[in-house]
């Protein structure tokens, strides 16, 4: 398939899909899942826990009712 077919394509992902993404070794911002490459995602869920370290980072978990996605901002 032509790689350009998937530019700006919206695909529904569950938390389990995010957790199975594999980074492509030579590019730090591109990931692979089932042979498809992606570089930008959006997710929706409920923040179920958070840890805030002032002037450093915030760590939180997003629950989509299937599983939780650990995030660091």
PDB file of N, CA and C in Angstrom:
ATOM      1  N   UNK A   1       0.828  -1.191   0.000  1.00  0.00           N
ATOM      2  CA  UNK A   1       0.000   0.000   0.000  1.00  0.00           C
ATOM      3  C   UNK A   1       0.866   1.245   0.000  1.00  0.00           C
ATOM      4  N   UNK A   2       0.366   2.253  -0.591  1.00  0.00           N
ATOM      5  CA  UNK A   2       1.072   3.527  -0.643  1.00  0.00           C
ATOM      6  C   UNK A   2       1.014   4.199   0.729  1.00  0.00           C
ATOM      7  N   UNK A   3       2.173   4.609   1.244  1.00  0.00           N
ATOM      8  CA  UNK A   3       2.238   5.227   2.580  1.00  0.00           C
ATOM      9  C   UNK A   3       1.429   6.510   2.649  1.00  0.00           C
ATOM     10  N   UNK A   4       1.260   7.217   1.538  1.00  0.00           N
ATOM     11  CA  UNK A   4       0.523   8.481   1.564  1.00  0.00           C
ATOM     12  C   UNK A   4      -0.973   8.287   1.787  1.00  0.00           C
ATOM     13  N   UNK A   5      -1.476   7.079   1.645  1.00  0.00           N
ATOM     14  CA  UNK A   5      -2.892   6.822   1.874  1.00  0.00           C
ATOM     15  C   UNK A   5      -3.288   7.063   3.331  1.00  0.00           C
ATOM     16  N   UNK A   6      -2.342   6.978   4.250  1.00  0.00           N
ATOM     17  CA  UNK A   6      -2.655   7.077   5.668  1.00  0.00           C
ATOM     18  C   UNK A   6      -2.308   8.431   6.277  1.00  0.00           C
ATOM     19  N   UNK A   7      -1.937   9.403   5.488  1.00  0.00           N
ATOM     20  CA  UNK A   7      -1.643  10.734   5.995  1.00  0.00           C
ATOM     21  C   UNK A   7      -2.944  11.375   6.466  1.00  0.00           C
ATOM     22  N   UNK A   8      -2.957  11.911   7.682  1.00  0.00           N
ATOM     23  CA  UNK A   8      -4.133  12.549   8.286  1.00  0.00           C
ATOM     24  C   UNK A   8      -5.338  11.620   8.351  1.00  0.00           C
ATOM     25  N   UNK A   9      -5.106  10.355   8.599  1.00  0.00           N
ATOM     26  CA  UNK A   9      -6.167   9.371   8.728  1.00  0.00           C
ATOM     27  C   UNK A   9      -6.481   9.167  10.199  1.00  0.00           C
ATOM     28  N   UNK A  10      -7.754   9.095  10.539  1.00  0.00           N
ATOM     29  CA  UNK A  10      -8.182   8.872  11.917  1.00  0.00           C
ATOM     30  C   UNK A  10      -8.523   7.399  12.102  1.00  0.00           C
ATOM     31  N   UNK A  11      -7.885   6.784  13.094  1.00  0.00           N
ATOM     32  CA  UNK A  11      -8.119   5.379  13.413  1.00  0.00           C
ATOM     33  C   UNK A  11      -8.364   5.295  14.912  1.00  0.00           C
ATOM     34  N   UNK A  12      -9.379   4.553  15.337  1.00  0.00           N
ATOM     35  CA  UNK A  12      -9.653   4.408  16.766  1.00  0.00           C
ATOM     36  C   UNK A  12      -8.650   3.444  17.390  1.00  0.00           C
ATOM     37  N   UNK A  13      -8.050   3.876  18.489  1.00  0.00           N
ATOM     38  CA  UNK A  13      -7.126   3.067  19.262  1.00  0.00           C
ATOM     39  C   UNK A  13      -7.681   2.920  20.662  1.00  0.00           C
ATOM     40  N   UNK A  14      -7.494   1.770  21.241  1.00  0.00           N
ATOM     41  CA  UNK A  14      -7.777   1.558  22.656  1.00  0.00           C
ATOM     42  C   UNK A  14      -6.456   1.659  23.412  1.00  0.00           C
ATOM     43  N   UNK A  15      -6.535   1.718  24.726  1.00  0.00           N
ATOM     44  CA  UNK A  15      -5.320   1.819  25.537  1.00  0.00           C
ATOM     45  C   UNK A  15      -4.373   0.666  25.240  1.00  0.00           C
ATOM     46  N   UNK A  16      -4.898  -0.513  25.052  1.00  0.00           N
ATOM     47  CA  UNK A  16      -4.064  -1.676  24.773  1.00  0.00           C
ATOM     48  C   UNK A  16      -3.285  -1.489  23.470  1.00  0.00           C
ATOM     49  N   UNK A  17      -3.868  -0.763  22.507  1.00  0.00           N
ATOM     50  CA  UNK A  17      -3.169  -0.483  21.251  1.00  0.00           C
ATOM     51  C   UNK A  17      -1.987   0.454  21.487  1.00  0.00           C
ATOM     52  N   UNK A  18      -2.162   1.462  22.335  1.00  0.00           N
ATOM     53  CA  UNK A  18      -1.063   2.379  22.656  1.00  0.00           C
ATOM     54  C   UNK A  18       0.078   1.625  23.334  1.00  0.00           C
ATOM     55  N   UNK A  19      -0.282   0.710  24.209  1.00  0.00           N
ATOM     56  CA  UNK A  19       0.729  -0.011  24.977  1.00  0.00           C
ATOM     57  C   UNK A  19       1.513  -1.001  24.129  1.00  0.00           C
ATOM     58  N   UNK A  20       1.012  -1.350  22.934  1.00  0.00           N
ATOM     59  CA  UNK A  20       1.718  -2.297  22.067  1.00  0.00           C
ATOM     60  C   UNK A  20       2.498  -1.606  20.950  1.00  0.00           C
ATOM     61  N   UNK A  21       2.536  -0.273  20.932  1.00  0.00           N
ATOM     62  CA  UNK A  21       3.306   0.444  19.917  1.00  0.00           C
ATOM     63  C   UNK A  21       4.793   0.171  20.099  1.00  0.00           C
ATOM     64  N   UNK A  22       5.492   0.024  18.988  1.00  0.00           N
ATOM     65  CA  UNK A  22       6.928  -0.217  19.031  1.00  0.00           C
ATOM     66  C   UNK A  22       7.647   0.932  18.326  1.00  0.00           C
ATOM     67  N   UNK A  23       8.641   1.543  18.990  1.00  0.00           N
ATOM     68  CA  UNK A  23       9.372   2.644  18.337  1.00  0.00           C
ATOM     69  C   UNK A  23      10.212   2.127  17.180  1.00  0.00           C
ATOM     70  N   UNK A  24      10.311   2.916  16.127  1.00  0.00           N
ATOM     71  CA  UNK A  24      11.206   2.605  15.019  1.00  0.00           C
ATOM     72  C   UNK A  24      12.568   3.144  15.409  1.00  0.00           C
ATOM     73  N   UNK A  25      13.570   2.298  15.406  1.00  0.00           N
ATOM     74  CA  UNK A  25      14.863   2.616  16.012  1.00  0.00           C
ATOM     75  C   UNK A  25      15.538   3.853  15.442  1.00  0.00           C
ATOM     76  N   UNK A  26      15.457   4.091  14.164  1.00  0.00           N
ATOM     77  CA  UNK A  26      16.197   5.206  13.588  1.00  0.00           C
ATOM     78  C   UNK A  26      15.450   6.536  13.633  1.00  0.00           C
ATOM     79  N   UNK A  27      14.173   6.533  14.037  1.00  0.00           N
ATOM     80  CA  UNK A  27      13.414   7.780  14.171  1.00  0.00           C
ATOM     81  C   UNK A  27      12.707   7.753  15.523  1.00  0.00           C
ATOM     82  N   UNK A  28      12.971   8.755  16.341  1.00  0.00           N
ATOM     83  CA  UNK A  28      12.453   8.731  17.709  1.00  0.00           C
ATOM     84  C   UNK A  28      10.985   9.122  17.822  1.00  0.00           C
ATOM     85  N   UNK A  29      10.392   9.691  16.778  1.00  0.00           N
ATOM     86  CA  UNK A  29       9.003  10.141  16.882  1.00  0.00           C
ATOM     87  C   UNK A  29       8.032   9.299  16.059  1.00  0.00           C
ATOM     88  N   UNK A  30       8.500   8.211  15.481  1.00  0.00           N
ATOM     89  CA  UNK A  30       7.629   7.358  14.680  1.00  0.00           C
ATOM     90  C   UNK A  30       7.546   5.990  15.333  1.00  0.00           C
ATOM     91  N   UNK A  31       6.316   5.468  15.425  1.00  0.00           N
ATOM     92  CA  UNK A  31       6.064   4.180  16.041  1.00  0.00           C
ATOM     93  C   UNK A  31       5.391   3.260  15.038  1.00  0.00           C
ATOM     94  N   UNK A  32       5.409   1.969  15.360  1.00  0.00           N
ATOM     95  CA  UNK A  32       4.836   0.978  14.463  1.00  0.00           C
ATOM     96  C   UNK A  32       3.861   0.092  15.225  1.00  0.00           C
ATOM     97  N   UNK A  33       2.764  -0.274  14.570  1.00  0.00           N
ATOM     98  CA  UNK A  33       1.799  -1.226  15.117  1.00  0.00           C
ATOM     99  C   UNK A  33       1.208  -1.995  13.952  1.00  0.00           C
ATOM    100  N   UNK A  34       1.359  -3.307  13.987  1.00  0.00           N
ATOM    101  CA  UNK A  34       0.839  -4.187  12.935  1.00  0.00           C
ATOM    102  C   UNK A  34       1.305  -3.756  11.546  1.00  0.00           C
ATOM    103  N   UNK A  35       2.578  -3.341  11.448  1.00  0.00           N
ATOM    104  CA  UNK A  35       3.147  -2.959  10.165  1.00  0.00           C
ATOM    105  C   UNK A  35       2.800  -1.565   9.681  1.00  0.00           C
ATOM    106  N   UNK A  36       2.002  -0.824  10.409  1.00  0.00           N
ATOM    107  CA  UNK A  36       1.631   0.539  10.036  1.00  0.00           C
ATOM    108  C   UNK A  36       2.429   1.521  10.890  1.00  0.00           C
ATOM    109  N   UNK A  37       2.883   2.599  10.287  1.00  0.00           N
ATOM    110  CA  UNK A  37       3.651   3.619  11.005  1.00  0.00           C
ATOM    111  C   UNK A  37       2.750   4.781  11.387  1.00  0.00           C
ATOM    112  N   UNK A  38       2.996   5.350  12.563  1.00  0.00           N
ATOM    113  CA  UNK A  38       2.259   6.537  12.981  1.00  0.00           C
ATOM    114  C   UNK A  38       3.161   7.443  13.787  1.00  0.00           C
ATOM    115  N   UNK A  39       2.841   8.740  13.752  1.00  0.00           N
ATOM    116  CA  UNK A  39       3.681   9.696  14.461  1.00  0.00           C
ATOM    117  C   UNK A  39       2.887  10.640  15.348  1.00  0.00           C
ATOM    118  N   UNK A  40       1.580  10.644  15.247  1.00  0.00           N
ATOM    119  CA  UNK A  40       0.771  11.556  16.040  1.00  0.00           C
ATOM    120  C   UNK A  40      -0.511  10.842  16.455  1.00  0.00           C
ATOM    121  N   UNK A  41      -0.855  10.946  17.724  1.00  0.00           N
ATOM    122  CA  UNK A  41      -2.081  10.325  18.207  1.00  0.00           C
ATOM    123  C   UNK A  41      -2.797  11.279  19.154  1.00  0.00           C
ATOM    124  N   UNK A  42      -4.059  11.042  19.326  1.00  0.00           N
ATOM    125  CA  UNK A  42      -4.862  11.736  20.331  1.00  0.00           C
ATOM    126  C   UNK A  42      -5.617  10.656  21.095  1.00  0.00           C
ATOM    127  N   UNK A  43      -5.846  10.895  22.363  1.00  0.00           N
ATOM    128  CA  UNK A  43      -6.585   9.924  23.149  1.00  0.00           C
ATOM    129  C   UNK A  43      -7.616  10.628  24.013  1.00  0.00           C
ATOM    130  N   UNK A  44      -8.595   9.876  24.441  1.00  0.00           N
ATOM    131  CA  UNK A  44      -9.633  10.423  25.296  1.00  0.00           C
ATOM    132  C   UNK A  44      -9.924   9.401  26.393  1.00  0.00           C
ATOM    133  N   UNK A  45     -10.048   9.875  27.608  1.00  0.00           N
ATOM    134  CA  UNK A  45     -10.335   9.004  28.732  1.00  0.00           C
ATOM    135  C   UNK A  45     -10.412   9.829  29.999  1.00  0.00           C
ATOM    136  N   UNK A  46     -10.339   9.157  31.107  1.00  0.00           N
ATOM    137  CA  UNK A  46     -10.421   9.803  32.417  1.00  0.00           C
ATOM    138  C   UNK A  46      -9.066   9.691  33.093  1.00  0.00           C
ATOM    139  N   UNK A  47      -8.569  10.819  33.608  1.00  0.00           N
ATOM    140  CA  UNK A  47      -7.316  10.800  34.364  1.00  0.00           C
ATOM    141  C   UNK A  47      -7.623  10.180  35.721  1.00  0.00           C
ATOM    142  N   UNK A  48      -6.978   9.042  36.010  1.00  0.00           N
ATOM    143  CA  UNK A  48      -7.290   8.318  37.241  1.00  0.00           C
ATOM    144  C   UNK A  48      -6.220   8.479  38.320  1.00  0.00           C
ATOM    145  N   UNK A  49      -5.037   8.937  37.933  1.00  0.00           N
ATOM    146  CA  UNK A  49      -4.008   9.221  38.932  1.00  0.00           C
ATOM    147  C   UNK A  49      -3.060  10.269  38.372  1.00  0.00           C
ATOM    148  N   UNK A  50      -2.420  11.000  39.272  1.00  0.00           N
ATOM    149  CA  UNK A  50      -1.446  11.986  38.823  1.00  0.00           C
ATOM    150  C   UNK A  50      -0.395  12.192  39.895  1.00  0.00           C
ATOM    151  N   UNK A  51       0.801  12.533  39.452  1.00  0.00           N
ATOM    152  CA  UNK A  51       1.917  12.867  40.331  1.00  0.00           C
ATOM    153  C   UNK A  51       2.579  14.101  39.748  1.00  0.00           C
ATOM    154  N   UNK A  52       2.617  15.174  40.521  1.00  0.00           N
ATOM    155  CA  UNK A  52       3.143  16.452  40.047  1.00  0.00           C
ATOM    156  C   UNK A  52       4.423  16.790  40.790  1.00  0.00           C
ATOM    157  N   UNK A  53       5.486  17.028  40.035  1.00  0.00           N
ATOM    158  CA  UNK A  53       6.743  17.482  40.613  1.00  0.00           C
ATOM    159  C   UNK A  53       6.980  18.885  40.069  1.00  0.00           C
ATOM    160  N   UNK A  54       6.800  19.936  40.910  1.00  0.00           N
ATOM    161  CA  UNK A  54       6.891  21.323  40.449  1.00  0.00           C
ATOM    162  C   UNK A  54       8.178  21.608  39.669  1.00  0.00           C
ATOM    163  N   UNK A  55       8.024  22.342  38.575  1.00  0.00           N
ATOM    164  CA  UNK A  55       9.127  22.746  37.694  1.00  0.00           C
ATOM    165  C   UNK A  55       9.866  21.558  37.074  1.00  0.00           C
ATOM    166  N   UNK A  56       9.280  20.368  37.103  1.00  0.00           N
ATOM    167  CA  UNK A  56       9.906  19.177  36.521  1.00  0.00           C
ATOM    168  C   UNK A  56       8.971  18.507  35.523  1.00  0.00           C
ATOM    169  N   UNK A  57       7.942  17.828  36.026  1.00  0.00           N
ATOM    170  CA  UNK A  57       7.048  17.063  35.164  1.00  0.00           C
ATOM    171  C   UNK A  57       5.746  16.753  35.897  1.00  0.00           C
ATOM    172  N   UNK A  58       4.779  16.256  35.150  1.00  0.00           N
ATOM    173  CA  UNK A  58       3.568  15.689  35.725  1.00  0.00           C
ATOM    174  C   UNK A  58       3.395  14.307  35.101  1.00  0.00           C
ATOM    175  N   UNK A  59       3.164  13.329  35.940  1.00  0.00           N
ATOM    176  CA  UNK A  59       2.953  11.954  35.501  1.00  0.00           C
ATOM    177  C   UNK A  59       1.494  11.611  35.798  1.00  0.00           C
ATOM    178  N   UNK A  60       0.794  11.043  34.813  1.00  0.00           N
ATOM    179  CA  UNK A  60      -0.609  10.719  35.024  1.00  0.00           C
ATOM    180  C   UNK A  60      -0.997   9.484  34.224  1.00  0.00           C
ATOM    181  N   UNK A  61      -2.100   8.855  34.607  1.00  0.00           N
ATOM    182  CA  UNK A  61      -2.640   7.692  33.909  1.00  0.00           C
ATOM    183  C   UNK A  61      -3.999   8.041  33.336  1.00  0.00           C
ATOM    184  N   UNK A  62      -4.213   7.693  32.064  1.00  0.00           N
ATOM    185  CA  UNK A  62      -5.500   7.908  31.402  1.00  0.00           C
ATOM    186  C   UNK A  62      -6.180   6.552  31.251  1.00  0.00           C
ATOM    187  N   UNK A  63      -7.404   6.439  31.738  1.00  0.00           N
ATOM    188  CA  UNK A  63      -8.175   5.200  31.669  1.00  0.00           C
ATOM    189  C   UNK A  63      -9.259   5.334  30.614  1.00  0.00           C
ATOM    190  N   UNK A  64      -9.281   4.418  29.647  1.00  0.00           N
ATOM    191  CA  UNK A  64     -10.325   4.437  28.614  1.00  0.00           C
ATOM    192  C   UNK A  64     -11.374   3.352  28.867  1.00  0.00           C
ATOM    193  N   UNK A  65     -11.427   2.834  30.065  1.00  0.00           N
ATOM    194  CA  UNK A  65     -12.326   1.778  30.554  1.00  0.00           C
ATOM    195  C   UNK A  65     -11.891   0.385  30.128  1.00  0.00           C
ATOM    196  N   UNK A  66     -10.826   0.274  29.354  1.00  0.00           N
ATOM    197  CA  UNK A  66     -10.263  -1.031  28.991  1.00  0.00           C
ATOM    198  C   UNK A  66      -8.946  -1.240  29.730  1.00  0.00           C
ATOM    199  N   UNK A  67      -8.112  -0.207  29.721  1.00  0.00           N
ATOM    200  CA  UNK A  67      -6.797  -0.257  30.332  1.00  0.00           C
ATOM    201  C   UNK A  67      -6.337   1.183  30.599  1.00  0.00           C
ATOM    202  N   UNK A  68      -5.178   1.320  31.220  1.00  0.00           N
ATOM    203  CA  UNK A  68      -4.636   2.659  31.503  1.00  0.00           C
ATOM    204  C   UNK A  68      -3.394   2.916  30.677  1.00  0.00           C
ATOM    205  N   UNK A  69      -3.258   4.176  30.239  1.00  0.00           N
ATOM    206  CA  UNK A  69      -2.094   4.614  29.475  1.00  0.00           C
ATOM    207  C   UNK A  69      -1.265   5.508  30.394  1.00  0.00           C
ATOM    208  N   UNK A  70      -0.024   5.111  30.721  1.00  0.00           N
ATOM    209  CA  UNK A  70       0.840   5.965  31.532  1.00  0.00           C
ATOM    210  C   UNK A  70       1.413   7.092  30.666  1.00  0.00           C
ATOM    211  N   UNK A  71       1.360   8.328  31.174  1.00  0.00           N
ATOM    212  CA  UNK A  71       1.820   9.502  30.422  1.00  0.00           C
ATOM    213  C   UNK A  71       2.719  10.372  31.283  1.00  0.00           C
ATOM    214  N   UNK A  72       3.682  11.031  30.640  1.00  0.00           N
ATOM    215  CA  UNK A  72       4.537  12.006  31.309  1.00  0.00           C
ATOM    216  C   UNK A  72       4.554  13.259  30.450  1.00  0.00           C
ATOM    217  N   UNK A  73       4.302  14.391  31.081  1.00  0.00           N
ATOM    218  CA  UNK A  73       4.298  15.668  30.385  1.00  0.00           C
ATOM    219  C   UNK A  73       5.310  16.584  31.011  1.00  0.00           C
TER     220      UNK A  73
END
